[in-house]
């Protein structure tokens, strides 16, 4: 059982981290309420893709890259801050929706938004560069590395898939439609705060 301890620890910590409100959690719930469950699941697929990319990068030496090229981490965090600010501004400009409003966004946009939001999320950078690397060091057996990638995939689908399902239910969706403008502005403000804090932290 001790052989599986790193994967079990990674699963517990990863689930806890994913359930903490942040840009990714907020983005999935927002898409689920304002668009549809299908669109939200496309965003979840983008999040899972991001997790696979982060896990793969960590396993091939993400920490070593940042140590050798410190500016690469700075560039990534600046890009993340700018992307979150852009999402915040777009949310503030979003017009109020009426009940029965059609979904007009292209299907691919939800996937791309899920991918980019998670890929540039500073919480993901911190998680994979520290916690993931701690439980799955470079000298780990291949089966542990493969298992760790599987754990990340399961966490992504489980946590954010549950958010997509919950926030796309009729009761939650109808409530959102009745309060779409203030909710979008609150979401936009949170995104702006995340983005500005990230940029100012690196100034």
N, C-alpha and C. Protein backbone atom coordinates (compact mmCIF):
# COMPACT_ATOMS: atom_id res chain seq x y z
N UNK A 1 0.83 -1.21 0.00
CA UNK A 1 0.00 0.00 0.00
C UNK A 1 0.86 1.26 0.00
N UNK A 2 2.05 1.17 0.63
CA UNK A 2 2.93 2.32 0.70
C UNK A 2 3.41 2.75 -0.68
N UNK A 3 3.42 1.81 -1.65
CA UNK A 3 3.85 2.15 -3.00
C UNK A 3 2.87 3.12 -3.65
N UNK A 4 1.61 3.05 -3.25
CA UNK A 4 0.59 3.90 -3.83
C UNK A 4 0.39 5.20 -3.03
N UNK A 5 1.13 5.35 -1.94
CA UNK A 5 0.96 6.53 -1.08
C UNK A 5 1.15 7.85 -1.83
N UNK A 6 2.17 7.98 -2.70
CA UNK A 6 2.32 9.25 -3.42
C UNK A 6 1.11 9.59 -4.28
N UNK A 7 0.54 8.57 -4.95
CA UNK A 7 -0.62 8.81 -5.81
C UNK A 7 -1.85 9.16 -4.98
N UNK A 8 -2.02 8.48 -3.84
CA UNK A 8 -3.15 8.77 -2.97
C UNK A 8 -3.04 10.19 -2.40
N UNK A 9 -1.84 10.55 -1.98
CA UNK A 9 -1.62 11.90 -1.44
C UNK A 9 -1.86 12.95 -2.51
N UNK A 10 -1.39 12.67 -3.72
CA UNK A 10 -1.60 13.59 -4.83
C UNK A 10 -3.09 13.76 -5.12
N UNK A 11 -3.83 12.67 -5.04
CA UNK A 11 -5.27 12.73 -5.31
C UNK A 11 -5.98 13.59 -4.26
N UNK A 12 -5.68 13.37 -2.98
CA UNK A 12 -6.34 14.10 -1.90
C UNK A 12 -6.03 15.60 -1.98
N UNK A 13 -4.74 15.92 -2.13
CA UNK A 13 -4.34 17.33 -2.20
C UNK A 13 -4.88 17.97 -3.48
N UNK A 14 -4.83 17.23 -4.58
CA UNK A 14 -5.30 17.76 -5.86
C UNK A 14 -6.79 18.05 -5.84
N UNK A 15 -7.59 17.15 -5.24
CA UNK A 15 -9.03 17.37 -5.15
C UNK A 15 -9.33 18.59 -4.30
N UNK A 16 -8.62 18.72 -3.19
CA UNK A 16 -8.83 19.86 -2.30
C UNK A 16 -8.50 21.17 -3.01
N UNK A 17 -7.40 21.17 -3.73
CA UNK A 17 -6.97 22.37 -4.45
C UNK A 17 -7.96 22.74 -5.55
N UNK A 18 -8.44 21.74 -6.29
CA UNK A 18 -9.36 22.00 -7.40
C UNK A 18 -10.69 22.58 -6.93
N UNK A 19 -11.12 22.17 -5.73
CA UNK A 19 -12.41 22.62 -5.21
C UNK A 19 -12.35 24.01 -4.58
N UNK A 20 -11.15 24.54 -4.41
CA UNK A 20 -11.02 25.90 -3.88
C UNK A 20 -11.41 26.90 -4.97
N UNK A 21 -12.31 27.85 -4.68
CA UNK A 21 -12.72 28.82 -5.70
C UNK A 21 -11.54 29.57 -6.29
N UNK A 22 -11.52 29.67 -7.59
CA UNK A 22 -10.46 30.36 -8.30
C UNK A 22 -10.91 30.63 -9.73
N UNK A 23 -10.02 31.12 -10.59
CA UNK A 23 -10.41 31.44 -11.97
C UNK A 23 -11.03 30.27 -12.73
N UNK A 24 -10.46 29.07 -12.58
CA UNK A 24 -10.97 27.91 -13.33
C UNK A 24 -12.35 27.51 -12.84
N UNK A 25 -12.53 27.41 -11.53
CA UNK A 25 -13.82 27.07 -10.93
C UNK A 25 -14.87 28.09 -11.37
N UNK A 26 -14.52 29.36 -11.30
CA UNK A 26 -15.44 30.43 -11.65
C UNK A 26 -15.82 30.36 -13.13
N UNK A 27 -14.85 30.08 -13.99
CA UNK A 27 -15.09 30.03 -15.42
C UNK A 27 -16.06 28.91 -15.79
N UNK A 28 -15.90 27.72 -15.19
CA UNK A 28 -16.78 26.59 -15.50
C UNK A 28 -18.20 26.89 -15.04
N UNK A 29 -18.37 27.40 -13.83
CA UNK A 29 -19.71 27.70 -13.33
C UNK A 29 -20.38 28.79 -14.17
N UNK A 30 -19.60 29.76 -14.60
CA UNK A 30 -20.14 30.85 -15.41
C UNK A 30 -20.64 30.33 -16.76
N UNK A 31 -19.86 29.49 -17.42
CA UNK A 31 -20.26 28.93 -18.72
C UNK A 31 -21.47 28.02 -18.55
N UNK A 32 -21.49 27.23 -17.48
CA UNK A 32 -22.62 26.32 -17.25
C UNK A 32 -23.92 27.08 -17.06
N UNK A 33 -23.87 28.20 -16.36
CA UNK A 33 -25.07 28.98 -16.10
C UNK A 33 -25.51 29.80 -17.31
N UNK A 34 -24.54 30.40 -18.01
CA UNK A 34 -24.89 31.33 -19.09
C UNK A 34 -25.07 30.65 -20.44
N UNK A 35 -24.51 29.46 -20.62
CA UNK A 35 -24.61 28.79 -21.92
C UNK A 35 -25.38 27.48 -21.78
N UNK A 36 -24.67 26.38 -21.54
CA UNK A 36 -25.33 25.08 -21.43
C UNK A 36 -24.38 24.09 -20.77
N UNK A 37 -24.93 22.93 -20.40
CA UNK A 37 -24.10 21.88 -19.80
C UNK A 37 -23.07 21.36 -20.80
N UNK A 38 -23.48 21.24 -22.06
CA UNK A 38 -22.55 20.76 -23.09
C UNK A 38 -21.37 21.69 -23.26
N UNK A 39 -21.64 23.01 -23.28
CA UNK A 39 -20.57 23.99 -23.39
C UNK A 39 -19.64 23.92 -22.17
N UNK A 40 -20.23 23.75 -20.99
CA UNK A 40 -19.42 23.66 -19.77
C UNK A 40 -18.53 22.43 -19.80
N UNK A 41 -19.06 21.31 -20.33
CA UNK A 41 -18.25 20.09 -20.41
C UNK A 41 -17.12 20.24 -21.42
N UNK A 42 -17.35 21.05 -22.48
CA UNK A 42 -16.25 21.34 -23.40
C UNK A 42 -15.15 22.11 -22.67
N UNK A 43 -15.56 23.03 -21.81
CA UNK A 43 -14.58 23.78 -21.01
C UNK A 43 -13.82 22.83 -20.08
N UNK A 44 -14.54 21.88 -19.49
CA UNK A 44 -13.90 20.88 -18.62
C UNK A 44 -12.88 20.08 -19.41
N UNK A 45 -13.21 19.72 -20.64
CA UNK A 45 -12.26 18.99 -21.49
C UNK A 45 -11.01 19.83 -21.73
N UNK A 46 -11.20 21.13 -21.91
CA UNK A 46 -10.04 22.02 -22.05
C UNK A 46 -9.20 22.05 -20.79
N UNK A 47 -9.85 22.03 -19.62
CA UNK A 47 -9.14 22.02 -18.34
C UNK A 47 -8.33 20.74 -18.18
N UNK A 48 -8.93 19.61 -18.54
CA UNK A 48 -8.23 18.33 -18.46
C UNK A 48 -7.02 18.32 -19.40
N UNK A 49 -7.19 18.88 -20.59
CA UNK A 49 -6.07 18.98 -21.53
C UNK A 49 -4.94 19.81 -20.93
N UNK A 50 -5.30 20.91 -20.29
CA UNK A 50 -4.31 21.75 -19.62
C UNK A 50 -3.58 20.97 -18.53
N UNK A 51 -4.34 20.18 -17.74
CA UNK A 51 -3.72 19.39 -16.69
C UNK A 51 -2.73 18.38 -17.24
N UNK A 52 -3.07 17.76 -18.37
CA UNK A 52 -2.16 16.81 -19.00
C UNK A 52 -0.90 17.50 -19.48
N UNK A 53 -1.05 18.71 -20.02
CA UNK A 53 0.13 19.46 -20.49
C UNK A 53 1.01 19.87 -19.31
N UNK A 54 0.37 20.35 -18.22
CA UNK A 54 1.14 20.74 -17.04
C UNK A 54 1.87 19.54 -16.44
N UNK A 55 1.16 18.41 -16.32
CA UNK A 55 1.76 17.21 -15.75
C UNK A 55 2.94 16.74 -16.59
N UNK A 56 2.76 16.73 -17.91
CA UNK A 56 3.84 16.30 -18.81
C UNK A 56 5.04 17.23 -18.70
N UNK A 57 4.76 18.54 -18.65
CA UNK A 57 5.86 19.50 -18.54
C UNK A 57 6.63 19.32 -17.23
N UNK A 58 5.89 19.04 -16.15
CA UNK A 58 6.54 18.83 -14.85
C UNK A 58 7.41 17.59 -14.87
N UNK A 59 6.91 16.52 -15.48
CA UNK A 59 7.65 15.27 -15.51
C UNK A 59 8.92 15.36 -16.35
N UNK A 60 8.93 16.26 -17.33
CA UNK A 60 10.14 16.39 -18.15
C UNK A 60 11.05 17.51 -17.67
N UNK A 61 10.68 18.13 -16.54
CA UNK A 61 11.60 19.08 -15.93
C UNK A 61 11.16 20.53 -15.94
N UNK A 62 9.92 20.80 -15.53
CA UNK A 62 9.44 22.18 -15.48
C UNK A 62 10.24 23.01 -14.48
N UNK A 63 10.48 22.44 -13.29
CA UNK A 63 11.24 23.18 -12.27
C UNK A 63 12.64 23.51 -12.76
N UNK A 64 13.24 22.56 -13.48
CA UNK A 64 14.59 22.79 -14.01
C UNK A 64 14.58 23.90 -15.05
N UNK A 65 13.51 23.96 -15.85
CA UNK A 65 13.39 25.02 -16.86
C UNK A 65 13.30 26.38 -16.20
N UNK A 66 12.47 26.50 -15.16
CA UNK A 66 12.31 27.77 -14.47
C UNK A 66 13.60 28.19 -13.77
N UNK A 67 14.33 27.19 -13.28
CA UNK A 67 15.60 27.51 -12.62
C UNK A 67 16.63 28.00 -13.63
N UNK A 68 16.64 27.39 -14.82
CA UNK A 68 17.59 27.77 -15.86
C UNK A 68 17.19 29.07 -16.55
N UNK A 69 15.89 29.27 -16.72
CA UNK A 69 15.37 30.45 -17.41
C UNK A 69 14.31 31.13 -16.54
N UNK A 70 14.71 31.87 -15.51
CA UNK A 70 13.74 32.48 -14.59
C UNK A 70 12.73 33.38 -15.30
N UNK A 71 13.13 34.00 -16.40
CA UNK A 71 12.23 34.90 -17.12
C UNK A 71 11.03 34.16 -17.71
N UNK A 72 11.18 32.83 -17.96
CA UNK A 72 10.07 32.08 -18.55
C UNK A 72 8.88 32.01 -17.59
N UNK A 73 9.16 31.89 -16.30
CA UNK A 73 8.09 31.88 -15.31
C UNK A 73 7.43 33.26 -15.23
N UNK A 74 8.24 34.30 -15.31
CA UNK A 74 7.71 35.66 -15.28
C UNK A 74 6.80 35.92 -16.47
N UNK A 75 7.23 35.48 -17.64
CA UNK A 75 6.43 35.67 -18.86
C UNK A 75 5.10 34.94 -18.73
N UNK A 76 5.14 33.72 -18.20
CA UNK A 76 3.92 32.93 -18.05
C UNK A 76 2.95 33.60 -17.09
N UNK A 77 3.45 34.14 -15.99
CA UNK A 77 2.58 34.77 -15.00
C UNK A 77 2.01 36.09 -15.52
N UNK A 78 2.80 36.84 -16.28
CA UNK A 78 2.29 38.07 -16.88
C UNK A 78 1.19 37.74 -17.89
N UNK A 79 1.43 36.70 -18.69
CA UNK A 79 0.42 36.29 -19.67
C UNK A 79 -0.87 35.86 -18.97
N UNK A 80 -0.72 35.14 -17.86
CA UNK A 80 -1.89 34.72 -17.10
C UNK A 80 -2.66 35.90 -16.54
N UNK A 81 -1.95 36.88 -16.01
CA UNK A 81 -2.60 38.06 -15.46
C UNK A 81 -3.36 38.83 -16.53
N UNK A 82 -2.74 39.00 -17.70
CA UNK A 82 -3.39 39.73 -18.80
C UNK A 82 -4.62 38.98 -19.30
N UNK A 83 -4.53 37.65 -19.36
CA UNK A 83 -5.67 36.87 -19.84
C UNK A 83 -6.85 36.98 -18.89
N UNK A 84 -6.58 36.92 -17.59
CA UNK A 84 -7.66 37.03 -16.60
C UNK A 84 -8.29 38.43 -16.63
N UNK A 85 -7.48 39.46 -16.84
CA UNK A 85 -8.02 40.81 -16.94
C UNK A 85 -8.92 40.92 -18.17
N UNK A 86 -8.50 40.30 -19.27
CA UNK A 86 -9.32 40.31 -20.49
C UNK A 86 -10.67 39.63 -20.25
N UNK A 87 -10.66 38.50 -19.53
CA UNK A 87 -11.91 37.81 -19.22
C UNK A 87 -12.80 38.69 -18.33
N UNK A 88 -12.18 39.40 -17.40
CA UNK A 88 -12.95 40.27 -16.52
C UNK A 88 -13.62 41.40 -17.28
N UNK A 89 -12.89 42.01 -18.20
CA UNK A 89 -13.46 43.10 -19.00
C UNK A 89 -14.60 42.58 -19.87
N UNK A 90 -14.43 41.39 -20.46
CA UNK A 90 -15.48 40.81 -21.30
C UNK A 90 -16.73 40.50 -20.48
N UNK A 91 -16.55 40.06 -19.24
CA UNK A 91 -17.71 39.78 -18.39
C UNK A 91 -18.46 41.07 -18.06
N UNK A 92 -17.74 42.15 -17.83
CA UNK A 92 -18.39 43.43 -17.54
C UNK A 92 -19.18 43.94 -18.73
N UNK A 93 -18.72 43.60 -19.93
CA UNK A 93 -19.39 44.07 -21.15
C UNK A 93 -20.52 43.13 -21.59
N UNK A 94 -20.64 41.98 -20.93
CA UNK A 94 -21.67 41.01 -21.31
C UNK A 94 -23.06 41.59 -21.05
N UNK A 95 -23.93 41.61 -22.07
CA UNK A 95 -25.28 42.14 -21.86
C UNK A 95 -26.13 41.19 -21.03
N UNK A 96 -27.17 41.71 -20.41
CA UNK A 96 -28.07 40.87 -19.62
C UNK A 96 -28.77 39.87 -20.53
N UNK A 97 -29.01 38.67 -20.02
CA UNK A 97 -29.67 37.62 -20.78
C UNK A 97 -31.11 37.46 -20.32
N UNK A 98 -31.96 37.09 -21.24
CA UNK A 98 -33.37 36.81 -20.91
C UNK A 98 -33.58 35.31 -20.91
N UNK A 99 -34.60 34.86 -20.22
CA UNK A 99 -34.89 33.43 -20.16
C UNK A 99 -35.14 32.91 -21.57
N UNK A 100 -34.50 31.79 -21.89
CA UNK A 100 -34.65 31.21 -23.21
C UNK A 100 -33.69 31.78 -24.23
N UNK A 101 -32.72 32.59 -23.77
CA UNK A 101 -31.75 33.17 -24.69
C UNK A 101 -30.96 32.07 -25.38
N UNK A 102 -30.76 32.14 -26.69
CA UNK A 102 -30.03 31.10 -27.39
C UNK A 102 -28.54 31.19 -27.11
N UNK A 103 -27.86 30.05 -27.23
CA UNK A 103 -26.41 30.02 -27.09
C UNK A 103 -25.80 30.34 -28.44
N UNK A 104 -25.09 31.44 -28.53
CA UNK A 104 -24.57 31.88 -29.82
C UNK A 104 -23.07 31.65 -29.97
N UNK A 105 -22.39 31.32 -28.88
CA UNK A 105 -20.95 31.15 -28.96
C UNK A 105 -20.60 29.88 -29.72
N UNK A 106 -19.49 29.92 -30.45
CA UNK A 106 -19.04 28.73 -31.17
C UNK A 106 -18.66 27.64 -30.19
N UNK A 107 -18.89 26.39 -30.58
CA UNK A 107 -18.64 25.29 -29.66
C UNK A 107 -17.18 25.20 -29.27
N UNK A 108 -16.29 25.52 -30.20
CA UNK A 108 -14.88 25.43 -29.88
C UNK A 108 -14.40 26.46 -28.88
N UNK A 109 -15.14 27.57 -28.72
CA UNK A 109 -14.70 28.64 -27.85
C UNK A 109 -14.67 28.22 -26.38
N UNK A 110 -15.63 27.39 -25.97
CA UNK A 110 -15.67 26.95 -24.57
C UNK A 110 -14.46 26.08 -24.26
N UNK A 111 -14.10 25.19 -25.17
CA UNK A 111 -12.91 24.35 -24.97
C UNK A 111 -11.66 25.22 -24.86
N UNK A 112 -11.52 26.18 -25.77
CA UNK A 112 -10.34 27.04 -25.75
C UNK A 112 -10.29 27.88 -24.49
N UNK A 113 -11.44 28.37 -24.04
CA UNK A 113 -11.46 29.17 -22.82
C UNK A 113 -11.07 28.32 -21.62
N UNK A 114 -11.57 27.09 -21.56
CA UNK A 114 -11.18 26.19 -20.47
C UNK A 114 -9.70 25.89 -20.49
N UNK A 115 -9.17 25.64 -21.69
CA UNK A 115 -7.74 25.34 -21.84
C UNK A 115 -6.88 26.51 -21.40
N UNK A 116 -7.17 27.70 -21.94
CA UNK A 116 -6.32 28.86 -21.67
C UNK A 116 -6.45 29.35 -20.23
N UNK A 117 -7.67 29.33 -19.68
CA UNK A 117 -7.86 29.79 -18.31
C UNK A 117 -7.07 28.92 -17.34
N UNK A 118 -7.12 27.61 -17.53
CA UNK A 118 -6.40 26.71 -16.63
C UNK A 118 -4.90 26.72 -16.90
N UNK A 119 -4.54 26.80 -18.17
CA UNK A 119 -3.12 26.77 -18.53
C UNK A 119 -2.39 27.98 -17.98
N UNK A 120 -3.08 29.13 -17.92
CA UNK A 120 -2.46 30.37 -17.43
C UNK A 120 -2.84 30.69 -15.99
N UNK A 121 -3.49 29.74 -15.33
CA UNK A 121 -3.90 29.94 -13.94
C UNK A 121 -2.69 29.83 -13.02
N UNK A 122 -2.36 30.87 -12.25
CA UNK A 122 -1.20 30.80 -11.36
C UNK A 122 -1.30 29.68 -10.33
N UNK A 123 -2.54 29.30 -9.96
CA UNK A 123 -2.71 28.21 -9.01
C UNK A 123 -2.19 26.89 -9.59
N UNK A 124 -2.38 26.71 -10.91
CA UNK A 124 -1.88 25.50 -11.57
C UNK A 124 -0.36 25.49 -11.59
N UNK A 125 0.21 26.66 -11.88
CA UNK A 125 1.67 26.77 -11.87
C UNK A 125 2.23 26.38 -10.51
N UNK A 126 1.63 26.91 -9.44
CA UNK A 126 2.10 26.62 -8.09
C UNK A 126 1.91 25.14 -7.76
N UNK A 127 0.75 24.57 -8.16
CA UNK A 127 0.46 23.18 -7.84
C UNK A 127 1.44 22.22 -8.51
N UNK A 128 1.66 22.40 -9.81
CA UNK A 128 2.50 21.45 -10.54
C UNK A 128 3.98 21.66 -10.27
N UNK A 129 4.39 22.90 -10.07
CA UNK A 129 5.81 23.15 -9.82
C UNK A 129 6.24 22.78 -8.41
N UNK A 130 5.27 22.62 -7.50
CA UNK A 130 5.63 22.30 -6.12
C UNK A 130 5.02 20.98 -5.66
N UNK A 131 3.69 20.93 -5.50
CA UNK A 131 3.04 19.74 -4.95
C UNK A 131 3.19 18.53 -5.85
N UNK A 132 2.87 18.68 -7.13
CA UNK A 132 2.97 17.57 -8.06
C UNK A 132 4.41 17.06 -8.13
N UNK A 133 5.36 18.00 -8.25
CA UNK A 133 6.77 17.62 -8.33
C UNK A 133 7.26 16.96 -7.04
N UNK A 134 6.64 17.33 -5.92
CA UNK A 134 7.03 16.75 -4.63
C UNK A 134 6.61 15.29 -4.54
N UNK A 135 5.36 14.99 -4.95
CA UNK A 135 4.85 13.63 -4.87
C UNK A 135 5.35 12.74 -6.00
N UNK A 136 5.73 13.36 -7.12
CA UNK A 136 6.21 12.59 -8.27
C UNK A 136 7.56 13.15 -8.72
N UNK A 137 8.62 12.88 -7.96
CA UNK A 137 9.94 13.40 -8.34
C UNK A 137 10.44 12.75 -9.62
N UNK A 138 11.48 13.33 -10.18
CA UNK A 138 11.99 12.88 -11.48
C UNK A 138 12.44 11.42 -11.47
N UNK A 139 12.86 10.90 -10.31
CA UNK A 139 13.35 9.52 -10.24
C UNK A 139 12.28 8.48 -10.00
N UNK A 140 11.01 8.87 -10.02
CA UNK A 140 9.91 7.94 -9.77
C UNK A 140 9.81 6.90 -10.88
N UNK A 141 9.32 5.68 -10.54
CA UNK A 141 9.11 4.66 -11.57
C UNK A 141 8.11 5.13 -12.62
N UNK A 142 8.18 4.54 -13.80
CA UNK A 142 7.30 4.94 -14.89
C UNK A 142 5.83 4.77 -14.53
N UNK A 143 5.49 3.70 -13.79
CA UNK A 143 4.08 3.46 -13.48
C UNK A 143 3.53 4.54 -12.53
N UNK A 144 4.41 5.07 -11.68
CA UNK A 144 3.99 6.17 -10.80
C UNK A 144 3.71 7.42 -11.63
N UNK A 145 4.57 7.70 -12.59
CA UNK A 145 4.39 8.87 -13.44
C UNK A 145 3.10 8.76 -14.26
N UNK A 146 2.88 7.57 -14.84
CA UNK A 146 1.66 7.36 -15.61
C UNK A 146 0.43 7.47 -14.70
N UNK A 147 0.55 6.90 -13.50
CA UNK A 147 -0.55 6.97 -12.54
C UNK A 147 -0.85 8.40 -12.12
N UNK A 148 0.20 9.22 -11.98
CA UNK A 148 0.02 10.61 -11.58
C UNK A 148 -0.73 11.40 -12.67
N UNK A 149 -0.41 11.12 -13.92
CA UNK A 149 -1.12 11.77 -15.03
C UNK A 149 -2.59 11.34 -15.00
N UNK A 150 -2.83 10.04 -14.69
CA UNK A 150 -4.20 9.56 -14.58
C UNK A 150 -4.95 10.23 -13.44
N UNK A 151 -4.27 10.45 -12.33
CA UNK A 151 -4.89 11.12 -11.18
C UNK A 151 -5.30 12.54 -11.55
N UNK A 152 -4.44 13.26 -12.25
CA UNK A 152 -4.75 14.62 -12.67
C UNK A 152 -5.98 14.62 -13.58
N UNK A 153 -6.06 13.64 -14.48
CA UNK A 153 -7.20 13.54 -15.40
C UNK A 153 -8.50 13.28 -14.64
N UNK A 154 -8.45 12.36 -13.69
CA UNK A 154 -9.63 12.02 -12.89
C UNK A 154 -10.10 13.22 -12.07
N UNK A 155 -9.15 13.94 -11.48
CA UNK A 155 -9.49 15.12 -10.68
C UNK A 155 -10.19 16.17 -11.56
N UNK A 156 -9.65 16.40 -12.74
CA UNK A 156 -10.23 17.40 -13.63
C UNK A 156 -11.66 17.07 -14.02
N UNK A 157 -11.88 15.84 -14.46
CA UNK A 157 -13.22 15.44 -14.88
C UNK A 157 -14.19 15.39 -13.71
N UNK A 158 -13.73 14.89 -12.55
CA UNK A 158 -14.60 14.72 -11.39
C UNK A 158 -15.03 16.07 -10.80
N UNK A 159 -14.05 16.89 -10.46
CA UNK A 159 -14.36 18.17 -9.79
C UNK A 159 -15.09 19.14 -10.71
N UNK A 160 -14.49 19.42 -11.84
CA UNK A 160 -15.08 20.43 -12.71
C UNK A 160 -16.27 19.90 -13.49
N UNK A 161 -16.31 18.58 -13.71
CA UNK A 161 -17.51 18.01 -14.31
C UNK A 161 -18.70 18.15 -13.38
N UNK A 162 -18.47 17.95 -12.07
CA UNK A 162 -19.54 18.13 -11.09
C UNK A 162 -20.01 19.57 -11.05
N UNK A 163 -19.08 20.52 -11.16
CA UNK A 163 -19.44 21.94 -11.19
C UNK A 163 -20.29 22.24 -12.42
N UNK A 164 -19.89 21.68 -13.56
CA UNK A 164 -20.63 21.89 -14.81
C UNK A 164 -22.06 21.38 -14.70
N UNK A 165 -22.22 20.19 -14.11
CA UNK A 165 -23.55 19.60 -13.98
C UNK A 165 -24.40 20.40 -13.00
N UNK A 166 -23.83 20.74 -11.84
CA UNK A 166 -24.58 21.45 -10.81
C UNK A 166 -25.07 22.81 -11.29
N UNK A 167 -24.17 23.58 -11.89
CA UNK A 167 -24.52 24.95 -12.26
C UNK A 167 -25.30 25.04 -13.57
N UNK A 168 -25.50 23.91 -14.23
CA UNK A 168 -26.31 23.93 -15.46
C UNK A 168 -27.72 23.40 -15.22
N UNK A 169 -28.06 23.07 -13.97
CA UNK A 169 -29.41 22.61 -13.67
C UNK A 169 -30.41 23.75 -13.88
N UNK A 170 -31.65 23.38 -14.15
CA UNK A 170 -32.68 24.38 -14.48
C UNK A 170 -32.84 25.43 -13.39
N UNK A 171 -32.85 24.99 -12.13
CA UNK A 171 -33.07 25.93 -11.02
C UNK A 171 -31.95 26.96 -10.95
N UNK A 172 -30.71 26.49 -11.03
CA UNK A 172 -29.57 27.40 -10.95
C UNK A 172 -29.53 28.29 -12.19
N UNK A 173 -29.76 27.70 -13.37
CA UNK A 173 -29.72 28.47 -14.61
C UNK A 173 -30.78 29.57 -14.63
N UNK A 174 -32.01 29.23 -14.23
CA UNK A 174 -33.08 30.24 -14.22
C UNK A 174 -32.77 31.37 -13.24
N UNK A 175 -32.19 30.99 -12.11
CA UNK A 175 -31.81 32.01 -11.13
C UNK A 175 -30.74 32.93 -11.72
N UNK A 176 -29.81 32.31 -12.46
CA UNK A 176 -28.76 33.10 -13.09
C UNK A 176 -29.33 34.06 -14.12
N UNK A 177 -30.24 33.57 -14.95
CA UNK A 177 -30.83 34.40 -15.99
C UNK A 177 -31.54 35.62 -15.40
N UNK A 178 -32.14 35.43 -14.22
CA UNK A 178 -32.84 36.54 -13.56
C UNK A 178 -31.85 37.58 -13.02
N UNK A 179 -30.62 37.14 -12.74
CA UNK A 179 -29.63 38.05 -12.15
C UNK A 179 -28.35 38.08 -12.98
N UNK A 180 -28.47 37.89 -14.29
CA UNK A 180 -27.30 37.70 -15.14
C UNK A 180 -26.33 38.89 -15.11
N UNK A 181 -26.86 40.11 -15.16
CA UNK A 181 -25.96 41.26 -15.22
C UNK A 181 -25.13 41.42 -13.94
N UNK A 182 -25.74 41.44 -12.73
CA UNK A 182 -24.89 41.57 -11.54
C UNK A 182 -23.95 40.39 -11.34
N UNK A 183 -24.40 39.17 -11.70
CA UNK A 183 -23.53 38.00 -11.55
C UNK A 183 -22.32 38.12 -12.48
N UNK A 184 -22.56 38.51 -13.74
CA UNK A 184 -21.46 38.67 -14.69
C UNK A 184 -20.48 39.73 -14.21
N UNK A 185 -21.01 40.80 -13.59
CA UNK A 185 -20.12 41.86 -13.12
C UNK A 185 -19.33 41.44 -11.89
N UNK A 186 -19.95 40.63 -11.04
CA UNK A 186 -19.20 40.09 -9.90
C UNK A 186 -18.10 39.17 -10.40
N UNK A 187 -18.45 38.28 -11.35
CA UNK A 187 -17.46 37.37 -11.92
C UNK A 187 -16.34 38.16 -12.59
N UNK A 188 -16.73 39.21 -13.34
CA UNK A 188 -15.73 40.03 -14.00
C UNK A 188 -14.81 40.72 -13.02
N UNK A 189 -15.38 41.21 -11.93
CA UNK A 189 -14.57 41.88 -10.91
C UNK A 189 -13.57 40.91 -10.27
N UNK A 190 -14.04 39.69 -9.98
CA UNK A 190 -13.15 38.69 -9.39
C UNK A 190 -12.01 38.37 -10.35
N UNK A 191 -12.32 38.20 -11.64
CA UNK A 191 -11.28 37.93 -12.63
C UNK A 191 -10.28 39.07 -12.70
N UNK A 192 -10.79 40.31 -12.68
CA UNK A 192 -9.90 41.47 -12.71
C UNK A 192 -8.99 41.51 -11.49
N UNK A 193 -9.54 41.20 -10.33
CA UNK A 193 -8.75 41.18 -9.10
C UNK A 193 -7.65 40.13 -9.18
N UNK A 194 -8.02 38.91 -9.64
CA UNK A 194 -7.02 37.85 -9.81
C UNK A 194 -5.90 38.31 -10.76
N UNK A 195 -6.30 38.88 -11.89
CA UNK A 195 -5.32 39.29 -12.88
C UNK A 195 -4.42 40.41 -12.40
N UNK A 196 -5.01 41.44 -11.79
CA UNK A 196 -4.21 42.57 -11.29
C UNK A 196 -3.28 42.15 -10.16
N UNK A 197 -3.80 41.29 -9.27
CA UNK A 197 -2.95 40.81 -8.17
C UNK A 197 -1.75 40.05 -8.69
N UNK A 198 -1.99 39.27 -9.76
CA UNK A 198 -0.89 38.49 -10.34
C UNK A 198 0.15 39.40 -10.96
N UNK A 199 -0.30 40.43 -11.69
CA UNK A 199 0.65 41.35 -12.30
C UNK A 199 1.40 42.17 -11.26
N UNK A 200 0.69 42.68 -10.24
CA UNK A 200 1.32 43.50 -9.22
C UNK A 200 2.29 42.70 -8.36
N UNK A 201 2.00 41.41 -8.19
CA UNK A 201 2.87 40.55 -7.39
C UNK A 201 4.23 40.37 -8.07
N UNK A 202 4.23 40.49 -9.41
CA UNK A 202 5.48 40.30 -10.14
C UNK A 202 6.15 41.61 -10.51
N UNK A 203 5.54 42.75 -10.09
CA UNK A 203 6.10 44.05 -10.47
C UNK A 203 7.41 44.31 -9.74
